[in-house]
């Protein structure tokens, strides 16, 4: 049990976090994010993957081939971390690198057939993990929750 979990659960199993903290959306989002990140990381690890693998493969599948810089922008992965992620994916034949015909200093990254199959597997893994994470919510509430989170993120992304 982490310190955060221990702080929220006294011996009787009832949350002991002060009401004023439990009413703060920022704190609730932080607490849920920690739990979500752990659940997703553990679930993807069982499928021999990491969240960045999924982000890159999903980006390539949806938007097509791209340079490392483009993939970094699309996926939110720091450019300095992208090389390592791409090396991991290339070692497993999930992506292919080829010189950019317009600029030989750059590589163009493409998802491979094996990468598309692996992405479908990861989609299923994540669907199951999201079901576990969102268990207390009905399907309509899950859709609404996702829409609200998207609206908040879009607003704050535009504002920055």
C-alpha atoms as a PDB file:
ATOM      1  CA  UNK A   1       0.000   0.000   0.000  1.00  0.00           C
ATOM      2  CA  UNK A   2       1.316   3.431  -0.897  1.00  0.00           C
ATOM      3  CA  UNK A   3       1.408   6.366   1.465  1.00  0.00           C
ATOM      4  CA  UNK A   4      -1.455   7.932  -0.467  1.00  0.00           C
ATOM      5  CA  UNK A   5      -3.640   4.854  -0.090  1.00  0.00           C
ATOM      6  CA  UNK A   6      -2.742   4.552   3.583  1.00  0.00           C
ATOM      7  CA  UNK A   7      -3.602   8.207   4.176  1.00  0.00           C
ATOM      8  CA  UNK A   8      -7.046   7.746   2.648  1.00  0.00           C
ATOM      9  CA  UNK A   9      -7.967   4.541   4.472  1.00  0.00           C
ATOM     10  CA  UNK A  10      -7.973   4.242   8.277  1.00  0.00           C
ATOM     11  CA  UNK A  11      -8.431   0.900  10.000  1.00  0.00           C
ATOM     12  CA  UNK A  12     -12.218   0.857   9.553  1.00  0.00           C
ATOM     13  CA  UNK A  13     -11.962   1.156   5.751  1.00  0.00           C
ATOM     14  CA  UNK A  14     -13.737   4.517   5.587  1.00  0.00           C
ATOM     15  CA  UNK A  15     -11.979   7.405   3.839  1.00  0.00           C
ATOM     16  CA  UNK A  16     -10.424   9.750   6.358  1.00  0.00           C
ATOM     17  CA  UNK A  17      -9.407  12.445   3.908  1.00  0.00           C
ATOM     18  CA  UNK A  18     -10.873  15.788   4.986  1.00  0.00           C
ATOM     19  CA  UNK A  19     -14.064  16.722   3.153  1.00  0.00           C
ATOM     20  CA  UNK A  20     -12.522  19.929   1.877  1.00  0.00           C
ATOM     21  CA  UNK A  21      -9.895  17.829   0.041  1.00  0.00           C
ATOM     22  CA  UNK A  22     -12.447  15.306  -1.215  1.00  0.00           C
ATOM     23  CA  UNK A  23     -14.425  18.185  -2.760  1.00  0.00           C
ATOM     24  CA  UNK A  24     -11.446  19.509  -4.756  1.00  0.00           C
ATOM     25  CA  UNK A  25     -11.555  18.357  -8.372  1.00  0.00           C
ATOM     26  CA  UNK A  26      -7.798  18.872  -8.699  1.00  0.00           C
ATOM     27  CA  UNK A  27      -7.082  16.498  -5.818  1.00  0.00           C
ATOM     28  CA  UNK A  28      -9.585  13.938  -7.069  1.00  0.00           C
ATOM     29  CA  UNK A  29      -8.038  14.052 -10.545  1.00  0.00           C
ATOM     30  CA  UNK A  30      -4.554  13.621  -9.049  1.00  0.00           C
ATOM     31  CA  UNK A  31      -5.626  10.664  -6.933  1.00  0.00           C
ATOM     32  CA  UNK A  32      -7.440   9.005  -9.832  1.00  0.00           C
ATOM     33  CA  UNK A  33      -4.490   9.661 -12.145  1.00  0.00           C
ATOM     34  CA  UNK A  34      -2.098   7.877  -9.771  1.00  0.00           C
ATOM     35  CA  UNK A  35      -4.377   4.865  -9.566  1.00  0.00           C
ATOM     36  CA  UNK A  36      -5.071   4.882 -13.304  1.00  0.00           C
ATOM     37  CA  UNK A  37      -1.378   5.156 -14.209  1.00  0.00           C
ATOM     38  CA  UNK A  38      -0.512   2.220 -11.965  1.00  0.00           C
ATOM     39  CA  UNK A  39      -3.365   0.065 -13.312  1.00  0.00           C
ATOM     40  CA  UNK A  40      -2.496   0.844 -16.938  1.00  0.00           C
ATOM     41  CA  UNK A  41       1.263   0.365 -16.457  1.00  0.00           C
ATOM     42  CA  UNK A  42       0.776  -3.006 -14.754  1.00  0.00           C
ATOM     43  CA  UNK A  43      -1.755  -4.172 -17.346  1.00  0.00           C
ATOM     44  CA  UNK A  44       0.370  -3.128 -20.308  1.00  0.00           C
ATOM     45  CA  UNK A  45       3.444  -4.734 -18.716  1.00  0.00           C
ATOM     46  CA  UNK A  46       1.582  -8.060 -18.721  1.00  0.00           C
ATOM     47  CA  UNK A  47       1.227  -7.557 -22.490  1.00  0.00           C
ATOM     48  CA  UNK A  48       4.948  -6.695 -22.721  1.00  0.00           C
ATOM     49  CA  UNK A  49       4.212  -3.054 -23.527  1.00  0.00           C
ATOM     50  CA  UNK A  50       4.380   0.433 -22.084  1.00  0.00           C
ATOM     51  CA  UNK A  51       1.985   3.369 -22.500  1.00  0.00           C
ATOM     52  CA  UNK A  52       4.398   5.086 -24.879  1.00  0.00           C
ATOM     53  CA  UNK A  53       4.418   2.037 -27.150  1.00  0.00           C
ATOM     54  CA  UNK A  54       0.659   2.328 -27.433  1.00  0.00           C
ATOM     55  CA  UNK A  55       0.808   6.093 -28.048  1.00  0.00           C
ATOM     56  CA  UNK A  56       3.293   5.740 -30.914  1.00  0.00           C
ATOM     57  CA  UNK A  57       1.536   2.788 -32.552  1.00  0.00           C
ATOM     58  CA  UNK A  58      -1.864   4.507 -32.273  1.00  0.00           C
ATOM     59  CA  UNK A  59      -0.447   7.702 -33.764  1.00  0.00           C
ATOM     60  CA  UNK A  60       1.108   5.838 -36.681  1.00  0.00           C
ATOM     61  CA  UNK A  61      -2.072   3.864 -37.317  1.00  0.00           C
ATOM     62  CA  UNK A  62      -4.314   6.924 -37.259  1.00  0.00           C
ATOM     63  CA  UNK A  63      -2.134   9.560 -38.936  1.00  0.00           C
ATOM     64  CA  UNK A  64       0.293   7.484 -40.986  1.00  0.00           C
ATOM     65  CA  UNK A  65       4.084   7.578 -41.162  1.00  0.00           C
ATOM     66  CA  UNK A  66       5.969  10.436 -39.598  1.00  0.00           C
ATOM     67  CA  UNK A  67       9.319  11.713 -38.464  1.00  0.00           C
ATOM     68  CA  UNK A  68      10.473  11.371 -34.872  1.00  0.00           C
ATOM     69  CA  UNK A  69       9.629  15.044 -34.292  1.00  0.00           C
ATOM     70  CA  UNK A  70       6.121  14.587 -35.720  1.00  0.00           C
ATOM     71  CA  UNK A  71       5.550  11.504 -33.576  1.00  0.00           C
ATOM     72  CA  UNK A  72       6.717  13.419 -30.527  1.00  0.00           C
ATOM     73  CA  UNK A  73       4.171  16.184 -31.181  1.00  0.00           C
ATOM     74  CA  UNK A  74       1.353  13.735 -31.951  1.00  0.00           C
ATOM     75  CA  UNK A  75       1.926  11.521 -28.920  1.00  0.00           C
ATOM     76  CA  UNK A  76       3.128  13.974 -26.271  1.00  0.00           C
ATOM     77  CA  UNK A  77       6.380  12.054 -25.781  1.00  0.00           C
ATOM     78  CA  UNK A  78       9.445  14.233 -25.243  1.00  0.00           C
ATOM     79  CA  UNK A  79      11.720  14.203 -28.274  1.00  0.00           C
ATOM     80  CA  UNK A  80      14.619  13.085 -26.076  1.00  0.00           C
ATOM     81  CA  UNK A  81      12.608   9.999 -25.021  1.00  0.00           C
ATOM     82  CA  UNK A  82      11.249   9.200 -28.477  1.00  0.00           C
ATOM     83  CA  UNK A  83      14.457   7.577 -29.754  1.00  0.00           C
ATOM     84  CA  UNK A  84      14.398   5.027 -26.930  1.00  0.00           C
ATOM     85  CA  UNK A  85      10.727   4.241 -27.487  1.00  0.00           C
ATOM     86  CA  UNK A  86      11.292   3.814 -31.224  1.00  0.00           C
ATOM     87  CA  UNK A  87      14.328   1.600 -30.577  1.00  0.00           C
ATOM     88  CA  UNK A  88      12.186  -0.660 -28.370  1.00  0.00           C
ATOM     89  CA  UNK A  89       9.450  -0.850 -31.010  1.00  0.00           C
ATOM     90  CA  UNK A  90      11.918  -1.415 -33.867  1.00  0.00           C
ATOM     91  CA  UNK A  91      13.701  -4.221 -31.970  1.00  0.00           C
ATOM     92  CA  UNK A  92      10.353  -6.026 -31.850  1.00  0.00           C
ATOM     93  CA  UNK A  93       9.582  -5.288 -35.529  1.00  0.00           C
ATOM     94  CA  UNK A  94       6.537  -3.199 -34.569  1.00  0.00           C
ATOM     95  CA  UNK A  95       7.755  -0.163 -36.532  1.00  0.00           C
ATOM     96  CA  UNK A  96      10.031   0.353 -39.509  1.00  0.00           C
ATOM     97  CA  UNK A  97      12.481   3.188 -40.056  1.00  0.00           C
ATOM     98  CA  UNK A  98      13.417   4.468 -43.499  1.00  0.00           C
ATOM     99  CA  UNK A  99      15.380   7.527 -44.604  1.00  0.00           C
ATOM    100  CA  UNK A 100      13.199  10.517 -45.449  1.00  0.00           C
ATOM    101  CA  UNK A 101      13.495  11.010 -49.244  1.00  0.00           C
ATOM    102  CA  UNK A 102      13.295  14.804 -48.726  1.00  0.00           C
ATOM    103  CA  UNK A 103      15.887  14.962 -45.932  1.00  0.00           C
ATOM    104  CA  UNK A 104      18.320  12.070 -45.532  1.00  0.00           C
ATOM    105  CA  UNK A 105      19.182  13.249 -41.985  1.00  0.00           C
ATOM    106  CA  UNK A 106      15.681  12.271 -40.833  1.00  0.00           C
ATOM    107  CA  UNK A 107      13.976   8.930 -40.575  1.00  0.00           C
ATOM    108  CA  UNK A 108      10.346   8.287 -41.413  1.00  0.00           C
ATOM    109  CA  UNK A 109       8.696   5.835 -39.041  1.00  0.00           C
ATOM    110  CA  UNK A 110       5.955   3.469 -40.259  1.00  0.00           C
ATOM    111  CA  UNK A 111       3.880   0.944 -38.353  1.00  0.00           C
ATOM    112  CA  UNK A 112       4.554  -2.625 -39.508  1.00  0.00           C
ATOM    113  CA  UNK A 113       1.989  -5.390 -40.009  1.00  0.00           C
ATOM    114  CA  UNK A 114       3.157  -6.893 -36.720  1.00  0.00           C
ATOM    115  CA  UNK A 115       2.760  -3.453 -35.114  1.00  0.00           C
ATOM    116  CA  UNK A 116      -0.860  -3.248 -36.321  1.00  0.00           C
ATOM    117  CA  UNK A 117      -1.575  -6.682 -34.817  1.00  0.00           C
ATOM    118  CA  UNK A 118       0.098  -5.674 -31.548  1.00  0.00           C
ATOM    119  CA  UNK A 119      -1.932  -2.441 -31.485  1.00  0.00           C
ATOM    120  CA  UNK A 120      -5.174  -4.432 -31.768  1.00  0.00           C
ATOM    121  CA  UNK A 121      -4.039  -6.570 -28.818  1.00  0.00           C
ATOM    122  CA  UNK A 122      -3.202  -3.451 -26.796  1.00  0.00           C
ATOM    123  CA  UNK A 123      -6.610  -1.960 -27.663  1.00  0.00           C
ATOM    124  CA  UNK A 124      -8.241  -5.024 -26.103  1.00  0.00           C
ATOM    125  CA  UNK A 125      -5.953  -4.884 -23.048  1.00  0.00           C
ATOM    126  CA  UNK A 126      -6.752  -1.193 -22.533  1.00  0.00           C
ATOM    127  CA  UNK A 127     -10.485  -1.759 -23.043  1.00  0.00           C
ATOM    128  CA  UNK A 128     -10.387  -4.326 -20.234  1.00  0.00           C
ATOM    129  CA  UNK A 129      -8.295  -2.053 -17.991  1.00  0.00           C
ATOM    130  CA  UNK A 130     -10.630   0.885 -18.582  1.00  0.00           C
ATOM    131  CA  UNK A 131     -13.580  -1.347 -17.708  1.00  0.00           C
ATOM    132  CA  UNK A 132     -11.824  -2.146 -14.438  1.00  0.00           C
ATOM    133  CA  UNK A 133     -10.971   1.503 -13.752  1.00  0.00           C
ATOM    134  CA  UNK A 134     -14.475   2.752 -14.535  1.00  0.00           C
ATOM    135  CA  UNK A 135     -16.397  -0.152 -12.968  1.00  0.00           C
ATOM    136  CA  UNK A 136     -18.659   2.035 -10.800  1.00  0.00           C
ATOM    137  CA  UNK A 137     -19.880   4.046 -13.822  1.00  0.00           C
ATOM    138  CA  UNK A 138     -22.606   3.056 -16.261  1.00  0.00           C
ATOM    139  CA  UNK A 139     -21.785   3.123 -20.001  1.00  0.00           C
ATOM    140  CA  UNK A 140     -23.545   6.504 -20.321  1.00  0.00           C
ATOM    141  CA  UNK A 141     -21.611   7.890 -17.342  1.00  0.00           C
ATOM    142  CA  UNK A 142     -18.342   6.628 -18.836  1.00  0.00           C
ATOM    143  CA  UNK A 143     -19.082   8.445 -22.095  1.00  0.00           C
ATOM    144  CA  UNK A 144     -20.025  11.604 -20.217  1.00  0.00           C
ATOM    145  CA  UNK A 145     -16.912  11.390 -18.013  1.00  0.00           C
ATOM    146  CA  UNK A 146     -14.687  11.048 -21.090  1.00  0.00           C
ATOM    147  CA  UNK A 147     -16.447  13.961 -22.820  1.00  0.00           C
ATOM    148  CA  UNK A 148     -15.999  16.187 -19.767  1.00  0.00           C
ATOM    149  CA  UNK A 149     -12.326  15.284 -19.392  1.00  0.00           C
ATOM    150  CA  UNK A 150     -11.795  15.944 -23.110  1.00  0.00           C
ATOM    151  CA  UNK A 151     -13.479  19.341 -22.844  1.00  0.00           C
ATOM    152  CA  UNK A 152     -11.309  20.311 -19.872  1.00  0.00           C
ATOM    153  CA  UNK A 153      -8.126  19.137 -21.554  1.00  0.00           C
ATOM    154  CA  UNK A 154      -8.982  20.890 -24.832  1.00  0.00           C
ATOM    155  CA  UNK A 155      -9.706  24.134 -22.961  1.00  0.00           C
ATOM    156  CA  UNK A 156      -6.447  24.076 -21.029  1.00  0.00           C
ATOM    157  CA  UNK A 157      -4.433  22.979 -24.068  1.00  0.00           C
ATOM    158  CA  UNK A 158      -5.736  25.944 -26.086  1.00  0.00           C
ATOM    159  CA  UNK A 159      -5.129  28.305 -23.163  1.00  0.00           C
ATOM    160  CA  UNK A 160      -1.457  27.368 -22.819  1.00  0.00           C
END
